[in-house]
Amino acid sequence: MQEYIFKVGEEEEGERVDRLLSILNDSLSRSYIQKLLKDELVLLKKAAADENNNDFRILRASYRVQNGDLIHLKVPNAVFPSIEAEDIPLDILFEDEFLLVVNKPKGLVVHPAPGHFSHTLVNALLHHCRDSLSGINGVLRPGIVHRIDRDTTGAIVVCKSDYAHQEIAAQLKEHRIGRTYLALVCGKIANEAGTINTLIGRNPKHRKKMAVLPYGDENGKEAITHYRVLERFPKHTLVECQLETGRTHQIRVHLSHLGFPVLGDEVYGGQRPMFKLSGQTLHAASLGFIHPGSKAYMEFTAPLPDYFEELLRKFRG
């Protein structure tokens, strides 16, 4: 049994507890959180409780959290089922005997995890590739070398053999893979371009969130993002971001730290849903690497999804 205790902050006050926990821990779906609530595995110590009172009471999914509440989440140890192949359409940008590059849609989780054992990219890959996927990352992540968030769209490379996996993983480790993202952010960035160089690590108050940490913090890892303004709107900015490193949620954390959170990012922007969005407006636009077979540099571009294009048309109008 894994146990976590979250302390609710001012910006989170008023959220339903099931929704908040699914945001703080994006590996657990909201439906799985609701199951944990039903099984009485989510407990509450109210902010107004006596400090000497260590009693937690059972929570219901509809409870709206208050600033200072302590939420005790218990997650049973995972019992992994066999991962089934599913006939889910894939937007394939490139494929050969070594690898394939997929344009991942919004809302698709990359690999199975508690609460998401079906309808993931891996389930689709198992149907498409059959037994031709690398096994280095285990049965839950066959072929997966890197990941992008559930609500981030765009290019992701998948390896069909352990050799290809090792070659691509080495390039990732040595920061030799080109990764360019497009993001719509809240606010108008004055600078034309810049570099954000910080340490990123687990948020000390919310373990399932990442945060910029002070230099010298042993829990942080260097994170470098280069950005360039492409277009400005009255209240938003379209930026291009190039990753030099690849930390979890790096672009979202960095842009929020800069004061310009990604539009739709409810985790790092503290925003209510706007423009009928579901999740952040972040797109992995291009991906470049040395092909493990030909040893030639190859670059792939993923077109913007329709919702992103429509939003840009709306802003331009």
Protein backbone atom coordinates (compact mmCIF):
# COMPACT_ATOMS: atom_id res chain seq x y z
CA MET A 1 0.00 0.00 0.00
CA GLN A 2 1.37 3.40 -1.02
CA GLU A 3 0.27 6.33 1.12
CA TYR A 4 0.41 10.05 0.38
CA ILE A 5 -0.61 13.11 2.37
CA PHE A 6 -1.44 16.31 0.48
CA LYS A 7 -1.94 19.70 2.09
CA VAL A 8 -4.48 21.85 0.26
CA GLY A 9 -3.28 25.33 -0.71
CA GLU A 10 -5.24 28.56 -1.23
CA GLU A 11 -5.29 28.15 -5.02
CA GLU A 12 -6.90 24.72 -4.69
CA GLU A 13 -9.67 25.69 -2.29
CA GLY A 14 -13.16 24.86 -3.53
CA GLU A 15 -12.12 21.99 -5.85
CA ARG A 16 -13.90 18.63 -5.61
CA VAL A 17 -11.51 16.23 -3.91
CA ASP A 18 -11.77 13.59 -6.67
CA ARG A 19 -10.88 16.12 -9.35
CA LEU A 20 -8.04 17.65 -7.32
CA LEU A 21 -6.41 14.29 -6.60
CA SER A 22 -6.55 13.27 -10.26
CA ILE A 23 -4.75 16.54 -11.12
CA LEU A 24 -2.11 16.13 -8.42
CA ASN A 25 -1.46 12.55 -9.50
CA ASP A 26 -1.86 12.33 -13.27
CA SER A 27 -1.02 8.61 -13.26
CA LEU A 28 -4.35 7.95 -11.51
CA SER A 29 -7.57 8.59 -13.43
CA ARG A 30 -10.48 10.43 -11.85
CA SER A 31 -12.58 7.27 -12.04
CA TYR A 32 -9.87 5.34 -10.17
CA ILE A 33 -9.72 8.09 -7.52
CA GLN A 34 -13.50 7.78 -7.16
CA LYS A 35 -13.10 4.02 -6.64
CA LEU A 36 -10.54 4.70 -3.89
CA LEU A 37 -13.02 7.11 -2.28
CA LYS A 38 -15.76 4.49 -2.47
CA ASP A 39 -13.40 1.95 -0.89
CA GLU A 40 -12.78 4.43 1.97
CA LEU A 41 -9.11 4.85 1.08
CA VAL A 42 -9.20 8.67 0.98
CA LEU A 43 -9.29 10.37 4.37
CA LEU A 44 -9.52 13.95 5.58
CA LYS A 45 -8.22 15.96 8.50
CA LYS A 46 -9.94 19.32 8.25
CA ALA A 47 -7.96 22.54 8.39
CA ALA A 48 -9.82 23.67 11.52
CA ALA A 49 -9.07 20.46 13.44
CA ASP A 50 -7.07 20.57 16.64
CA GLU A 51 -3.36 20.09 15.89
CA ASN A 52 -3.19 17.40 18.57
CA ASN A 53 -6.07 15.49 16.96
CA ASN A 54 -4.61 12.98 14.51
CA ASP A 55 -7.93 11.48 13.51
CA PHE A 56 -8.77 11.41 9.80
CA ARG A 57 -12.34 10.89 8.63
CA ILE A 58 -13.62 9.15 5.49
CA LEU A 59 -14.18 11.43 2.49
CA ARG A 60 -16.78 11.49 -0.26
CA ALA A 61 -16.04 12.39 -3.89
CA SER A 62 -18.26 15.48 -3.77
CA TYR A 63 -16.33 17.09 -0.88
CA ARG A 64 -14.87 20.48 -1.80
CA VAL A 65 -11.50 21.00 -0.19
CA GLN A 66 -10.57 23.92 2.04
CA ASN A 67 -7.26 25.69 2.43
CA GLY A 68 -5.15 23.79 4.97
CA ASP A 69 -7.01 20.48 4.68
CA LEU A 70 -4.84 17.37 4.91
CA ILE A 71 -5.84 14.64 2.43
CA HIS A 72 -4.58 11.13 3.18
CA LEU A 73 -4.59 9.01 0.00
CA LYS A 74 -4.01 5.25 0.16
CA VAL A 75 -3.22 3.48 -3.11
CA PRO A 76 -3.16 -0.34 -3.07
CA ASN A 77 -0.10 -1.96 -4.57
CA ALA A 78 -0.73 -2.52 -8.25
CA VAL A 79 -1.62 -5.95 -9.52
CA PHE A 80 -0.84 -5.63 -13.19
CA PRO A 81 -3.20 -7.40 -15.57
CA SER A 82 -2.06 -8.59 -18.96
CA ILE A 83 -2.06 -5.66 -21.35
CA GLU A 84 -4.42 -6.29 -24.24
CA ALA A 85 -3.97 -5.20 -27.83
CA GLU A 86 -6.70 -2.78 -28.93
CA ASP A 87 -7.65 -1.64 -32.42
CA ILE A 88 -7.20 2.09 -31.77
CA PRO A 89 -6.42 4.22 -34.87
CA LEU A 90 -2.89 5.61 -34.99
CA ASP A 91 -1.72 8.71 -36.87
CA ILE A 92 1.66 7.37 -38.02
CA LEU A 93 4.13 9.94 -39.35
CA PHE A 94 6.85 7.38 -40.16
CA GLU A 95 7.44 3.65 -39.83
CA ASP A 96 10.11 1.11 -40.77
CA GLU A 97 11.57 -2.07 -39.25
CA PHE A 98 13.38 -0.10 -36.51
CA LEU A 99 10.80 2.35 -35.19
CA LEU A 100 7.71 4.40 -35.79
CA VAL A 101 6.85 8.03 -35.06
CA VAL A 102 3.27 8.65 -33.96
CA ASN A 103 1.28 11.88 -33.76
CA LYS A 104 -0.40 11.35 -30.37
CA PRO A 105 -3.86 12.88 -29.95
CA LYS A 106 -5.14 14.77 -26.92
CA GLY A 107 -6.47 12.65 -24.07
CA LEU A 108 -4.52 9.50 -24.93
CA VAL A 109 -2.34 8.17 -22.10
CA VAL A 110 1.01 6.85 -23.38
CA HIS A 111 1.34 3.68 -21.30
CA PRO A 112 -0.77 1.67 -18.83
CA ALA A 113 -0.74 2.60 -15.14
CA PRO A 114 -3.15 2.11 -12.22
CA GLY A 115 -6.50 3.37 -13.47
CA HIS A 116 -5.40 3.28 -17.11
CA PHE A 117 -4.83 -0.33 -18.16
CA SER A 118 -6.72 0.05 -21.43
CA HIS A 119 -7.22 2.62 -24.20
CA THR A 120 -3.57 3.77 -24.07
CA LEU A 121 -1.02 4.28 -26.83
CA VAL A 122 0.64 1.00 -25.78
CA ASN A 123 -2.65 -0.90 -26.26
CA ALA A 124 -2.84 0.54 -29.78
CA LEU A 125 0.81 -0.29 -30.50
CA LEU A 126 0.37 -3.90 -29.41
CA HIS A 127 -2.39 -4.25 -32.01
CA HIS A 128 -0.46 -2.47 -34.75
CA CYS A 129 3.03 -3.92 -34.16
CA ARG A 130 2.12 -7.32 -32.67
CA ASP A 131 5.35 -8.72 -31.18
CA SER A 132 7.64 -6.13 -32.79
CA LEU A 133 8.25 -3.77 -29.86
CA SER A 134 11.31 -3.31 -27.65
CA GLY A 135 11.07 -4.92 -24.22
CA ILE A 136 13.64 -2.88 -22.28
CA ASN A 137 11.03 -0.87 -20.37
CA GLY A 138 9.03 -3.94 -19.32
CA VAL A 139 5.57 -5.28 -20.09
CA LEU A 140 3.76 -2.01 -19.31
CA ARG A 141 5.89 0.15 -21.61
CA PRO A 142 6.88 -1.92 -24.65
CA GLY A 143 8.54 0.26 -27.25
CA ILE A 144 8.26 3.41 -25.13
CA VAL A 145 11.49 5.42 -24.84
CA HIS A 146 10.00 8.77 -23.79
CA ARG A 147 6.51 10.01 -23.03
CA ILE A 148 4.38 13.11 -23.38
CA ASP A 149 1.52 14.05 -21.08
CA ARG A 150 -2.00 12.76 -21.61
CA ASP A 151 -3.32 16.15 -22.82
CA THR A 152 -0.19 17.11 -24.78
CA THR A 153 -0.42 16.28 -28.46
CA GLY A 154 2.25 15.59 -31.06
CA ALA A 155 5.24 13.50 -32.09
CA ILE A 156 6.52 10.57 -30.05
CA VAL A 157 9.00 7.90 -31.18
CA VAL A 158 8.38 4.20 -30.50
CA CYS A 159 11.07 1.52 -30.89
CA LYS A 160 10.51 -1.92 -32.37
CA SER A 161 13.71 -3.57 -31.13
CA ASP A 162 15.95 -3.39 -28.09
CA TYR A 163 18.80 -2.21 -30.32
CA ALA A 164 16.78 0.74 -31.62
CA HIS A 165 15.60 1.48 -28.08
CA GLN A 166 19.17 1.61 -26.75
CA GLU A 167 20.27 3.89 -29.60
CA ILE A 168 17.40 6.37 -29.14
CA ALA A 169 17.69 6.26 -25.33
CA ALA A 170 21.39 7.12 -25.57
CA GLN A 171 20.59 10.16 -27.72
CA LEU A 172 17.97 11.27 -25.20
CA LYS A 173 20.43 10.92 -22.33
CA GLU A 174 23.05 12.93 -24.19
CA HIS A 175 20.52 15.64 -25.21
CA ARG A 176 21.07 14.92 -28.92
CA ILE A 177 17.40 14.61 -29.85
CA GLY A 178 15.72 17.73 -31.20
CA ARG A 179 12.33 18.38 -29.63
CA THR A 180 10.31 21.48 -30.49
CA TYR A 181 6.96 22.30 -28.90
CA LEU A 182 4.31 24.93 -29.57
CA ALA A 183 2.47 26.40 -26.61
CA LEU A 184 -0.25 28.99 -26.16
CA VAL A 185 0.39 30.79 -22.89
CA CYS A 186 -1.58 33.23 -20.78
CA GLY A 187 -0.25 36.78 -20.92
CA LYS A 188 1.96 38.72 -23.35
CA ILE A 189 5.64 37.82 -23.22
CA ALA A 190 7.69 40.98 -23.81
CA ASN A 191 10.99 39.32 -24.77
CA GLU A 192 11.38 37.94 -28.26
CA ALA A 193 13.32 34.93 -27.00
CA GLY A 194 15.02 33.58 -23.93
CA THR A 195 16.35 30.59 -22.01
CA ILE A 196 14.98 29.23 -18.76
CA ASN A 197 17.65 27.36 -16.78
CA THR A 198 16.60 26.06 -13.36
CA LEU A 199 16.47 22.97 -11.21
CA ILE A 200 13.24 20.97 -11.41
CA GLY A 201 12.16 18.34 -8.91
CA ARG A 202 9.20 17.08 -6.93
CA ASN A 203 7.11 19.81 -5.34
CA PRO A 204 7.87 19.47 -1.60
CA LYS A 205 4.21 20.16 -0.74
CA HIS A 206 2.58 18.14 -3.52
CA ARG A 207 4.63 15.06 -4.43
CA LYS A 208 2.81 14.42 -7.68
CA LYS A 209 3.56 17.90 -8.99
CA MET A 210 6.91 19.19 -10.18
CA ALA A 211 8.38 22.56 -9.20
CA VAL A 212 11.34 24.85 -9.75
CA LEU A 213 13.68 24.24 -6.81
CA PRO A 214 16.41 26.53 -5.42
CA TYR A 215 19.95 25.94 -6.66
CA GLY A 216 21.78 23.54 -4.42
CA ASP A 217 18.69 21.47 -3.69
CA GLU A 218 19.81 17.84 -4.03
CA ASN A 219 16.29 16.84 -5.12
CA GLY A 220 16.45 19.00 -8.25
CA LYS A 221 17.85 18.25 -11.70
CA GLU A 222 19.03 20.82 -14.23
CA ALA A 223 16.31 21.75 -16.71
CA ILE A 224 16.89 23.98 -19.74
CA THR A 225 14.17 25.30 -22.05
CA HIS A 226 14.78 27.74 -24.93
CA TYR A 227 11.75 29.74 -26.05
CA ARG A 228 10.92 32.08 -28.92
CA VAL A 229 7.81 34.21 -29.38
CA LEU A 230 5.98 33.42 -32.63
CA GLU A 231 2.83 35.51 -32.28
CA ARG A 232 1.20 37.82 -29.73
CA PHE A 233 -2.51 38.23 -29.05
CA PRO A 234 -4.30 40.67 -26.69
CA LYS A 235 -4.12 38.30 -23.71
CA HIS A 236 -2.07 35.34 -24.93
CA THR A 237 1.21 34.48 -26.67
CA LEU A 238 2.13 31.68 -29.05
CA VAL A 239 5.63 30.44 -28.26
CA GLU A 240 8.01 27.85 -29.64
CA CYS A 241 9.95 25.91 -27.01
CA GLN A 242 13.02 23.76 -27.58
CA LEU A 243 13.98 21.24 -24.93
CA GLU A 244 17.65 20.89 -24.10
CA THR A 245 16.77 18.56 -21.22
CA GLY A 246 13.65 16.46 -20.71
CA ARG A 247 12.37 16.68 -17.15
CA THR A 248 8.82 15.71 -16.21
CA HIS A 249 6.37 18.53 -17.11
CA GLN A 250 9.40 20.72 -17.92
CA ILE A 251 7.78 23.19 -20.33
CA ARG A 252 4.64 23.55 -18.22
CA VAL A 253 6.66 24.15 -15.04
CA HIS A 254 9.10 26.55 -16.71
CA LEU A 255 6.49 28.72 -18.41
CA SER A 256 4.44 28.89 -15.22
CA HIS A 257 7.59 29.85 -13.30
CA LEU A 258 8.17 32.61 -15.86
CA GLY A 259 4.68 33.94 -15.11
CA PHE A 260 3.06 32.71 -18.34
CA PRO A 261 1.34 29.38 -17.68
CA VAL A 262 0.22 27.28 -20.62
CA LEU A 263 -3.42 28.00 -21.47
CA GLY A 264 -5.66 25.26 -20.09
CA ASP A 265 -3.06 23.94 -17.63
CA GLU A 266 -5.09 23.37 -14.47
CA VAL A 267 -2.12 21.90 -12.58
CA TYR A 268 0.52 24.61 -13.03
CA GLY A 269 -1.69 27.49 -14.09
CA GLY A 270 -4.42 27.18 -11.48
CA GLN A 271 -6.96 27.95 -14.20
CA ARG A 272 -10.59 27.08 -14.54
CA PRO A 273 -11.43 25.56 -17.95
CA MET A 274 -11.54 28.22 -20.70
CA PHE A 275 -12.53 28.11 -24.38
CA LYS A 276 -14.05 24.64 -23.76
CA LEU A 277 -10.51 23.27 -23.38
CA SER A 278 -9.64 20.00 -21.71
CA GLY A 279 -6.02 20.21 -20.61
CA GLN A 280 -3.10 22.35 -21.71
CA THR A 281 -2.54 23.79 -25.20
CA LEU A 282 0.86 22.18 -25.71
CA HIS A 283 1.93 20.37 -28.87
CA ALA A 284 5.10 18.37 -29.65
CA ALA A 285 5.53 19.87 -33.10
CA SER A 286 8.78 18.29 -34.28
CA LEU A 287 11.12 15.48 -33.32
CA GLY A 288 14.60 14.88 -34.77
CA PHE A 289 17.17 12.13 -34.14
CA ILE A 290 19.84 9.95 -35.71
CA HIS A 291 18.14 6.91 -37.20
CA PRO A 292 19.52 3.76 -35.49
CA GLY A 293 19.69 1.89 -38.80
CA SER A 294 20.78 4.37 -41.48
CA LYS A 295 22.65 6.65 -39.03
CA ALA A 296 21.17 9.60 -40.93
CA TYR A 297 19.52 12.51 -39.14
CA MET A 298 15.75 12.47 -39.58
CA GLU A 299 13.20 15.03 -38.47
CA PHE A 300 9.42 14.66 -38.30
CA THR A 301 6.73 17.31 -37.99
CA ALA A 302 3.33 16.72 -36.42
CA PRO A 303 0.57 19.07 -37.65
CA LEU A 304 -1.34 21.06 -35.07
CA PRO A 305 -4.57 19.40 -33.91
CA ASP A 306 -7.84 20.93 -35.07
CA TYR A 307 -8.75 22.40 -31.67
CA PHE A 308 -5.40 24.25 -31.52
CA GLU A 309 -5.81 25.63 -35.06
CA GLU A 310 -9.36 26.73 -34.29
CA LEU A 311 -8.21 28.55 -31.16
CA LEU A 312 -5.52 30.40 -33.14
CA ARG A 313 -8.10 31.42 -35.75
CA LYS A 314 -10.32 32.72 -32.97
CA PHE A 315 -7.50 34.76 -31.43
CA ARG A 316 -6.44 36.15 -34.81
CA GLY A 317 -10.00 37.17 -35.54
